[in-house]
Protein backbone atom coordinates (compact mmCIF):
# COMPACT_ATOMS: atom_id res chain seq x y z
CA MET A 1 -41.73 -11.46 -55.80
CA VAL A 2 -39.55 -8.53 -56.86
CA LEU A 3 -36.14 -9.33 -58.22
CA LYS A 4 -33.39 -7.02 -57.15
CA SER A 5 -30.66 -5.96 -59.56
CA HIS A 6 -28.15 -8.08 -57.66
CA ASP A 7 -30.32 -11.17 -58.19
CA VAL A 8 -30.58 -10.51 -61.91
CA LYS A 9 -26.85 -9.94 -62.26
CA SER A 10 -26.09 -13.07 -60.24
CA PHE A 11 -28.20 -15.18 -62.58
CA PHE A 12 -26.44 -13.83 -65.64
CA TYR A 13 -23.06 -14.37 -64.02
CA PHE A 14 -24.04 -18.01 -63.66
CA LEU A 15 -25.30 -18.15 -67.24
CA PHE A 16 -22.04 -16.67 -68.45
CA PHE A 17 -20.03 -19.15 -66.40
CA LEU A 18 -22.08 -22.01 -67.82
CA SER A 19 -21.50 -20.90 -71.41
CA LEU A 20 -17.73 -21.20 -71.18
CA GLY A 21 -15.79 -24.30 -72.04
CA GLY A 22 -17.69 -26.07 -74.79
CA THR A 23 -20.16 -25.68 -77.61
CA TYR A 24 -23.71 -26.49 -76.65
CA ALA A 25 -24.65 -29.83 -78.18
CA PHE A 26 -28.24 -30.68 -79.25
CA GLY A 27 -26.99 -31.45 -82.75
CA PHE A 28 -24.79 -28.36 -83.10
CA GLN A 29 -21.47 -30.08 -82.46
CA SER A 30 -20.10 -29.08 -85.84
CA SER A 31 -21.17 -25.44 -85.56
CA PRO A 32 -18.87 -22.62 -84.40
CA ARG A 33 -19.09 -21.67 -80.75
CA ILE A 34 -21.62 -18.99 -81.57
CA PHE A 35 -23.68 -19.82 -78.47
CA ASN A 36 -20.70 -19.16 -76.24
CA TYR A 37 -19.95 -15.83 -77.89
CA LEU A 38 -23.59 -14.74 -77.69
CA THR A 39 -23.84 -15.66 -74.02
CA ILE A 40 -20.64 -13.79 -73.19
CA PHE A 41 -21.75 -10.55 -74.81
CA PHE A 42 -25.38 -10.90 -73.73
CA SER A 43 -24.34 -11.49 -70.10
CA ALA A 44 -21.97 -8.54 -70.22
CA PHE A 45 -24.65 -6.27 -71.68
CA ILE A 46 -27.28 -7.25 -69.08
CA CYS A 47 -24.88 -6.97 -66.14
CA PHE A 48 -23.82 -3.52 -67.25
CA LEU A 49 -27.40 -2.44 -67.99
CA VAL A 50 -28.91 -3.61 -64.69
CA ASP A 51 -26.92 -1.17 -62.59
CA PHE A 52 -24.89 1.20 -64.73
CA ARG A 53 -24.06 3.35 -61.72
CA ASN A 54 -21.61 0.73 -60.53
CA LEU A 55 -19.73 0.70 -63.84
CA ARG A 56 -16.49 1.91 -62.44
CA PHE A 57 -13.17 0.12 -62.22
CA ARG A 58 -11.37 0.33 -58.93
CA LEU A 59 -8.18 -1.09 -60.34
CA LYS A 60 -5.09 0.50 -58.89
CA LEU A 61 -2.21 0.51 -61.34
CA SER A 62 1.06 -0.99 -60.15
CA TYR A 63 4.42 -1.66 -61.68
CA VAL A 64 2.98 -4.94 -63.03
CA PHE A 65 0.51 -3.07 -65.24
CA PRO A 66 3.08 -2.14 -67.94
CA LEU A 67 3.82 -5.86 -68.31
CA TYR A 68 0.14 -6.56 -68.94
CA ALA A 69 0.00 -3.74 -71.46
CA PHE A 70 3.08 -5.07 -73.22
CA ALA A 71 1.67 -8.64 -73.24
CA LEU A 72 -1.58 -7.37 -74.78
CA PHE A 73 0.27 -5.40 -77.46
CA PHE A 74 2.60 -8.32 -78.08
CA CYS A 75 -0.30 -10.76 -78.58
CA ALA A 76 -2.14 -8.32 -80.85
CA SER A 77 0.93 -7.69 -83.01
CA LEU A 78 1.34 -11.44 -83.58
CA SER A 79 -2.33 -12.02 -84.37
CA LEU A 80 -2.08 -11.76 -88.13
CA TYR A 81 -5.32 -13.64 -88.74
CA GLY A 82 -8.93 -12.73 -88.01
CA GLY A 83 -9.36 -15.65 -85.63
CA GLY A 84 -6.51 -14.36 -83.49
CA TYR A 85 -8.12 -10.97 -83.00
CA LEU A 86 -11.47 -12.55 -82.18
CA LYS A 87 -9.80 -14.76 -79.57
CA LEU A 88 -8.02 -11.78 -78.03
CA ILE A 89 -11.20 -9.67 -77.86
CA THR A 90 -13.19 -12.51 -76.28
CA LEU A 91 -10.47 -13.20 -73.74
CA LEU A 92 -10.51 -9.51 -72.79
CA MET A 93 -14.30 -9.72 -72.34
CA VAL A 94 -13.85 -12.72 -70.02
CA ILE A 95 -11.37 -10.72 -67.93
CA ILE A 96 -13.76 -7.75 -67.72
CA ILE A 97 -16.76 -9.82 -66.64
CA ALA A 98 -14.64 -11.71 -64.09
CA SER A 99 -13.57 -8.34 -62.67
CA PHE A 100 -17.15 -7.10 -62.37
CA THR A 101 -18.21 -10.40 -60.81
CA ALA A 102 -15.50 -9.96 -58.19
CA MET A 103 -16.89 -6.51 -57.38
CA ASP A 104 -20.32 -8.03 -56.64
CA HIS A 105 -19.22 -11.25 -54.95
CA THR A 106 -16.65 -12.55 -52.51
CA LEU A 107 -15.19 -16.01 -53.02
CA THR A 108 -17.76 -17.39 -50.58
CA SER A 109 -20.81 -15.63 -52.01
CA PHE A 110 -19.92 -16.57 -55.59
CA SER A 111 -19.34 -20.18 -54.58
CA LYS A 112 -22.80 -20.17 -52.99
CA LEU A 113 -24.24 -18.69 -56.18
CA LEU A 114 -22.74 -21.41 -58.37
CA TYR A 115 -23.85 -24.07 -55.90
CA LYS A 116 -27.38 -22.59 -55.76
CA TYR A 117 -27.96 -22.93 -59.50
CA GLY A 118 -25.47 -25.70 -60.24
CA LYS A 119 -27.10 -28.34 -58.04
CA TYR A 120 -30.22 -28.29 -60.23
CA LEU A 121 -28.11 -28.55 -63.36
CA ILE A 122 -26.29 -31.59 -61.97
CA GLY A 123 -29.62 -33.15 -61.06
CA PHE A 124 -30.70 -32.65 -64.66
CA VAL A 125 -27.46 -34.28 -65.90
CA LEU A 126 -27.98 -37.22 -63.51
CA LEU A 127 -31.51 -37.85 -64.78
CA GLY A 128 -30.34 -37.50 -68.36
CA SER A 129 -27.62 -40.10 -67.81
CA PHE A 130 -30.37 -42.63 -67.04
CA PHE A 131 -33.20 -41.66 -69.39
CA LEU A 132 -31.65 -39.65 -72.25
CA ASP A 133 -28.56 -41.67 -73.05
CA GLY A 134 -28.89 -41.05 -76.78
CA SER A 135 -28.67 -37.28 -76.27
CA PHE A 136 -26.41 -37.11 -73.24
CA TYR A 137 -23.56 -39.31 -74.49
CA SER A 138 -21.14 -38.55 -77.29
CA ASP A 139 -18.55 -40.59 -79.13
CA PHE A 140 -15.39 -38.55 -78.60
CA SER A 141 -11.87 -40.00 -78.74
CA ARG A 142 -12.46 -42.96 -76.43
CA GLY A 143 -15.80 -44.73 -76.70
CA GLU A 144 -18.94 -43.10 -75.36
CA GLY A 145 -18.83 -40.73 -72.41
CA LEU A 146 -21.42 -38.62 -70.63
CA SER A 147 -21.36 -35.17 -72.22
CA ALA A 148 -24.83 -33.84 -71.27
CA PHE A 149 -25.54 -30.70 -73.31
CA TYR A 150 -21.91 -30.12 -74.31
CA ALA A 151 -20.30 -31.40 -77.47
CA GLN A 152 -17.28 -32.63 -75.51
CA LYS A 153 -17.48 -34.80 -72.44
CA ASN A 154 -14.25 -33.31 -71.06
CA SER A 155 -16.03 -29.96 -70.72
CA LEU A 156 -18.73 -31.53 -68.55
CA GLY A 157 -16.16 -33.49 -66.54
CA ARG A 158 -14.28 -30.32 -65.63
CA TYR A 159 -17.46 -28.57 -64.58
CA LEU A 160 -18.22 -31.50 -62.30
CA ALA A 161 -14.70 -31.45 -60.85
CA PHE A 162 -14.97 -27.70 -60.25
CA PHE A 163 -18.38 -28.16 -58.61
CA TRP A 164 -16.68 -30.66 -56.27
CA LEU A 165 -14.24 -27.90 -55.35
CA LEU A 166 -17.19 -25.63 -54.52
CA VAL A 167 -18.66 -28.37 -52.32
CA CYS A 168 -15.32 -28.82 -50.50
CA PHE A 169 -15.01 -25.05 -50.04
CA LEU A 170 -18.49 -24.81 -48.53
CA PHE A 171 -17.77 -27.85 -46.37
CA THR A 172 -14.79 -26.08 -44.78
CA LYS A 173 -17.34 -23.68 -43.27
CA THR A 174 -20.31 -25.96 -42.49
CA ARG A 175 -18.37 -29.15 -41.60
CA ASN A 176 -21.43 -31.13 -42.67
CA LYS A 177 -20.08 -34.63 -43.37
CA ILE A 178 -23.36 -35.95 -44.81
CA PHE A 179 -23.39 -33.03 -47.26
CA LEU A 180 -19.81 -33.87 -48.30
CA LEU A 181 -20.38 -37.64 -48.59
CA PHE A 182 -23.53 -37.16 -50.70
CA TRP A 183 -21.81 -34.95 -53.26
CA PHE A 184 -18.66 -37.08 -53.24
CA SER A 185 -20.65 -40.18 -54.26
CA LEU A 186 -22.79 -38.41 -56.85
CA LEU A 187 -20.01 -36.43 -58.52
CA LEU A 188 -17.61 -39.38 -58.56
CA TYR A 189 -20.25 -41.44 -60.37
CA LEU A 190 -20.90 -38.72 -62.96
CA ILE A 191 -17.20 -38.01 -63.56
CA LEU A 192 -16.55 -41.71 -64.11
CA GLU A 193 -19.44 -41.70 -66.59
CA THR A 194 -17.79 -38.89 -68.58
CA GLU A 195 -14.64 -41.01 -69.03
CA SER A 196 -12.63 -37.78 -68.62
CA ARG A 197 -9.35 -38.85 -67.04
CA SER A 198 -8.11 -35.32 -66.39
CA SER A 199 -11.35 -34.50 -64.54
CA LEU A 200 -11.02 -37.63 -62.42
CA LEU A 201 -7.43 -36.70 -61.59
CA MET A 202 -8.49 -33.21 -60.45
CA PHE A 203 -11.35 -34.69 -58.42
CA LEU A 204 -8.92 -36.93 -56.53
CA LEU A 205 -6.37 -34.14 -56.06
CA ILE A 206 -9.04 -31.88 -54.55
CA CYS A 207 -9.95 -34.71 -52.18
CA PHE A 208 -6.35 -34.85 -51.00
CA PHE A 209 -6.12 -31.04 -50.71
CA LEU A 210 -9.24 -31.06 -48.54
CA PHE A 211 -7.82 -33.81 -46.34
CA ALA A 212 -4.52 -31.93 -45.94
CA PHE A 213 -6.30 -28.64 -45.21
CA THR A 214 -8.59 -30.25 -42.64
CA PHE A 215 -5.97 -32.17 -40.68
CA SER A 216 -2.73 -30.23 -41.08
CA ARG A 217 -1.84 -26.63 -40.32
CA ARG A 218 1.01 -26.83 -42.80
CA TRP A 219 -1.18 -28.24 -45.53
CA LEU A 220 0.50 -26.32 -48.36
CA LEU A 221 3.88 -27.86 -47.56
CA LEU A 222 2.29 -31.31 -47.49
CA VAL A 223 0.62 -30.71 -50.86
CA PHE A 224 3.80 -29.52 -52.56
CA ALA A 225 5.74 -32.49 -51.16
CA LEU A 226 3.14 -34.88 -52.60
CA ILE A 227 3.18 -33.22 -56.02
CA VAL A 228 6.99 -33.44 -56.21
CA PHE A 229 6.91 -37.06 -55.03
CA ILE A 230 4.27 -38.10 -57.60
CA THR A 231 6.12 -36.29 -60.41
CA VAL A 232 9.41 -38.04 -59.63
CA ILE A 233 7.79 -41.46 -59.25
CA PHE A 234 5.83 -41.06 -62.48
CA TYR A 235 8.98 -40.05 -64.37
CA PHE A 236 10.82 -43.20 -63.33
CA MET A 237 7.80 -45.47 -63.93
CA VAL A 238 7.39 -44.50 -67.59
CA ASP A 239 9.30 -47.26 -69.35
CA TYR A 240 8.09 -47.09 -72.96
CA ILE A 241 6.64 -44.62 -75.46
CA SER A 242 5.21 -45.96 -78.71
CA PRO A 243 6.91 -44.84 -81.94
CA ASP A 244 3.70 -43.29 -83.29
CA GLY A 245 3.16 -41.36 -80.06
CA ASP A 246 -0.27 -42.86 -79.40
CA TYR A 247 0.37 -44.46 -76.01
CA PHE A 248 3.00 -44.89 -73.31
CA SER A 249 3.65 -47.58 -70.75
CA VAL A 250 3.67 -46.90 -67.00
CA ALA A 251 4.99 -49.81 -64.93
CA GLY A 252 3.99 -52.17 -67.73
CA ILE A 253 0.47 -50.74 -68.10
CA ALA A 254 -0.33 -49.18 -71.51
CA VAL A 255 -1.98 -45.75 -71.27
CA SER A 256 -3.49 -44.15 -74.37
CA SER A 257 -2.44 -40.57 -75.05
CA THR A 258 -5.23 -40.18 -77.66
CA GLY A 259 -2.66 -38.77 -80.06
CA ARG A 260 -1.29 -36.11 -77.71
CA LEU A 261 2.30 -37.32 -77.79
CA ALA A 262 2.36 -37.17 -81.59
CA ILE A 263 0.82 -33.68 -81.57
CA TRP A 264 3.28 -32.41 -78.97
CA GLU A 265 6.30 -33.72 -80.85
CA TYR A 266 5.09 -32.35 -84.19
CA LEU A 267 4.21 -28.86 -82.90
CA PHE A 268 7.33 -28.50 -80.77
CA GLU A 269 9.69 -29.45 -83.60
CA ARG A 270 7.79 -27.32 -86.13
CA THR A 271 7.80 -24.24 -83.90
CA LYS A 272 11.40 -24.70 -82.82
CA ASP A 273 12.54 -24.82 -86.45
CA GLU A 274 10.29 -22.14 -87.96
CA ALA A 275 9.03 -19.72 -85.29
CA LEU A 276 11.18 -20.13 -82.19
CA TYR A 277 11.16 -16.59 -80.82
CA PHE A 278 7.69 -15.22 -81.67
CA GLY A 279 5.56 -18.24 -82.63
CA PHE A 280 2.97 -18.49 -85.39
CA GLY A 281 0.54 -15.94 -83.92
CA LEU A 282 -2.79 -16.43 -82.15
CA ALA A 283 -4.89 -19.12 -83.85
CA GLY A 284 -2.58 -19.07 -86.87
CA VAL A 285 -1.64 -22.76 -86.98
CA TYR A 286 -5.08 -24.04 -86.08
CA GLU A 287 -7.39 -21.87 -88.16
CA TYR A 288 -5.22 -22.06 -91.24
CA GLY A 289 -3.64 -25.45 -90.57
CA GLY A 290 -3.88 -26.40 -94.23
CA LYS A 291 -1.16 -23.91 -95.06
CA PHE A 292 1.19 -25.68 -92.65
CA GLY A 293 0.52 -29.15 -94.00
CA ALA A 294 -0.35 -30.49 -90.53
CA PHE A 295 -3.07 -32.81 -91.82
CA ASP A 296 -0.73 -34.49 -94.29
CA GLU A 297 1.88 -35.17 -91.60
CA LEU A 298 -0.37 -36.07 -88.65
CA GLY A 299 -3.37 -37.53 -90.42
CA TRP A 300 -5.94 -35.29 -88.70
CA THR A 301 -6.83 -31.62 -88.42
CA LEU A 302 -5.34 -29.72 -85.50
CA THR A 303 -7.66 -27.75 -83.22
CA ASP A 304 -5.16 -27.03 -80.44
CA ALA A 305 -1.97 -28.39 -78.92
CA HIS A 306 -3.78 -30.19 -76.08
CA ASN A 307 -1.24 -28.58 -73.77
CA GLY A 308 -1.55 -24.97 -72.62
CA PHE A 309 2.19 -24.49 -72.12
CA LEU A 310 2.99 -25.83 -75.59
CA ASP A 311 0.22 -23.66 -77.02
CA LEU A 312 1.91 -20.56 -75.60
CA PHE A 313 5.14 -21.65 -77.27
CA VAL A 314 3.47 -22.43 -80.61
CA GLN A 315 1.43 -19.24 -80.83
CA LEU A 316 3.73 -16.73 -79.09
CA GLY A 317 7.15 -18.36 -79.18
CA VAL A 318 9.73 -18.36 -76.40
CA THR A 319 9.11 -14.64 -75.78
CA GLY A 320 5.38 -15.04 -75.16
CA LEU A 321 5.82 -18.26 -73.18
CA VAL A 322 8.21 -16.63 -70.70
CA LEU A 323 6.17 -13.41 -70.46
CA ILE A 324 2.76 -15.01 -69.88
CA LEU A 325 4.02 -17.67 -67.44
CA PHE A 326 5.90 -15.01 -65.47
CA LEU A 327 2.67 -13.01 -65.10
CA TYR A 328 0.69 -16.07 -63.98
CA ILE A 329 3.35 -17.15 -61.48
CA TYR A 330 3.92 -13.65 -60.12
CA ILE A 331 0.22 -12.91 -59.60
CA SER A 332 -0.47 -16.40 -58.18
CA VAL A 333 2.27 -16.09 -55.56
CA TYR A 334 1.14 -12.53 -54.78
CA ILE A 335 -2.50 -13.39 -54.12
CA LEU A 336 -1.71 -16.56 -52.15
CA ARG A 337 0.26 -14.40 -49.72
CA TYR A 338 -2.86 -12.40 -48.83
CA LEU A 339 -5.61 -15.01 -48.99
CA LYS A 340 -6.10 -16.64 -45.60
CA GLY A 341 -7.75 -19.80 -44.27
CA ARG A 342 -10.64 -21.08 -46.40
CA ASN A 343 -10.06 -18.45 -49.09
CA LYS A 344 -6.46 -19.58 -49.52
CA PHE A 345 -7.68 -23.18 -49.84
CA PHE A 346 -10.09 -22.16 -52.61
CA GLY A 347 -7.63 -19.89 -54.42
CA PHE A 348 -4.85 -22.47 -54.31
CA ASN A 349 -7.16 -25.16 -55.70
CA VAL A 350 -8.28 -22.94 -58.58
CA ILE A 351 -4.67 -22.15 -59.50
CA VAL A 352 -3.68 -25.84 -59.38
CA PHE A 353 -6.85 -26.69 -61.31
CA VAL A 354 -5.86 -24.35 -64.12
CA TRP A 355 -2.22 -25.40 -64.27
CA MET A 356 -2.89 -29.14 -64.06
CA LEU A 357 -5.52 -29.12 -66.80
CA ASN A 358 -3.23 -27.07 -69.02
CA ILE A 359 -0.90 -30.07 -69.08
CA LEU A 360 -3.51 -32.09 -70.99
CA SER A 361 -5.57 -29.31 -72.60
CA SER A 362 -5.04 -25.79 -73.93
CA HIS A 363 -6.59 -23.04 -71.81
CA PHE A 364 -4.14 -20.18 -71.28
CA LEU A 365 -5.00 -18.59 -74.63
CA GLU A 366 -8.42 -20.18 -75.09
CA SER A 367 -10.95 -17.43 -74.47
CA LEU A 368 -14.00 -19.67 -74.15
CA THR A 369 -13.00 -21.58 -71.05
CA PHE A 370 -14.42 -21.25 -67.56
CA LEU A 371 -10.94 -21.93 -66.15
CA ASN A 372 -9.75 -18.51 -67.25
CA PHE A 373 -12.87 -16.90 -65.82
CA CYS A 374 -12.29 -18.65 -62.47
CA ILE A 375 -8.65 -17.70 -62.13
CA PHE A 376 -9.28 -14.07 -63.17
CA PHE A 377 -12.11 -13.92 -60.64
CA VAL A 378 -9.88 -15.26 -57.86
CA TYR A 379 -7.07 -12.86 -58.80
CA TYR A 380 -9.31 -9.81 -58.76
CA SER A 381 -11.17 -10.87 -55.58
CA ALA A 382 -7.87 -11.23 -53.76
CA PHE A 383 -6.73 -7.86 -55.08
CA LEU A 384 -9.91 -6.15 -53.83
CA LYS A 385 -9.59 -7.86 -50.45
CA ARG A 386 -5.98 -6.70 -50.22
CA ARG A 387 -7.07 -3.11 -50.86
CA GLY A 388 -9.91 -3.39 -48.34
CA ASP A 389 -12.69 -2.91 -50.90
CA LEU A 390 -14.31 -6.20 -49.90
CA CYS A 391 -14.64 -7.71 -46.47
């Protein structure tokens, strides 16, 4: 069997995708994310080496480009610490590889690629949940949850939720109900085992999006109406927030925030008082948190804000928050105008996936996250399709 260059590149695209979002476990939970960095650069090197003749960018500059250039310069100028520059460089590498992946794959072909390799990985995780519980479960925040080969179970949960999106996307073409029911049962079981509430929420939202897409021509309007309805209802059902910010009560039911409310209040007030307009710089608060006295006030070391929107505010201030969110919103609306049918369903889900998870986790400025890779891939794929470079 002779492997073609496309096959080799596809495998490394998958390997790169797999490396994002969490440090590999196997006893290395306390180590830096060196495995992720190595996989990113190794995948990039191999993909470029396999077929160097295709190393050409077909990116057409538009009036949006100066905003990107300004955002890049703005982030770099505020990155006064080494960790900030490393984060910026890695994020740029993620964008580049996502762009090259989009040149080789359409949304459908890349979904098939991830499904092709991912189904074996999920089978491995399923077996490990039964026979390797000592290695596949980690004690993180709330009891023990299935984490497989990642240090954090939330990372695995989001992979599983994203794989469910791939299954739903493929189902919209095959209409194989047995295929859908099989993966629904298996993935729901595994996500429940991870105890990742954000992943379970995304899993259920994707189920609703699929239902709306399948049975309604105006499915986007139905989805937006539901989101607004749930937001309003949730706002009025929250009747108590604990003084220490550890939990809140929804219709009399206590829900643990695992410290998020306390972190949000502390970081918002600190940034508002000390760095309102330009923030503390990329990775400044978290890598050198001791200088800010965060541990003394909160009682634990900060790693991130656990909210992507707040993280933009903390690291880049009001200026960076407005600039970055404008770019995301502008590009998202732009590409959704030109994606049609199944592709619009997939693109919309990825965008919602990214924005919803940024409410409970920090991903906008986190370079090692597969969410950024996914949304950059969707953006660039839609751009190429708009220009007619891909059919």
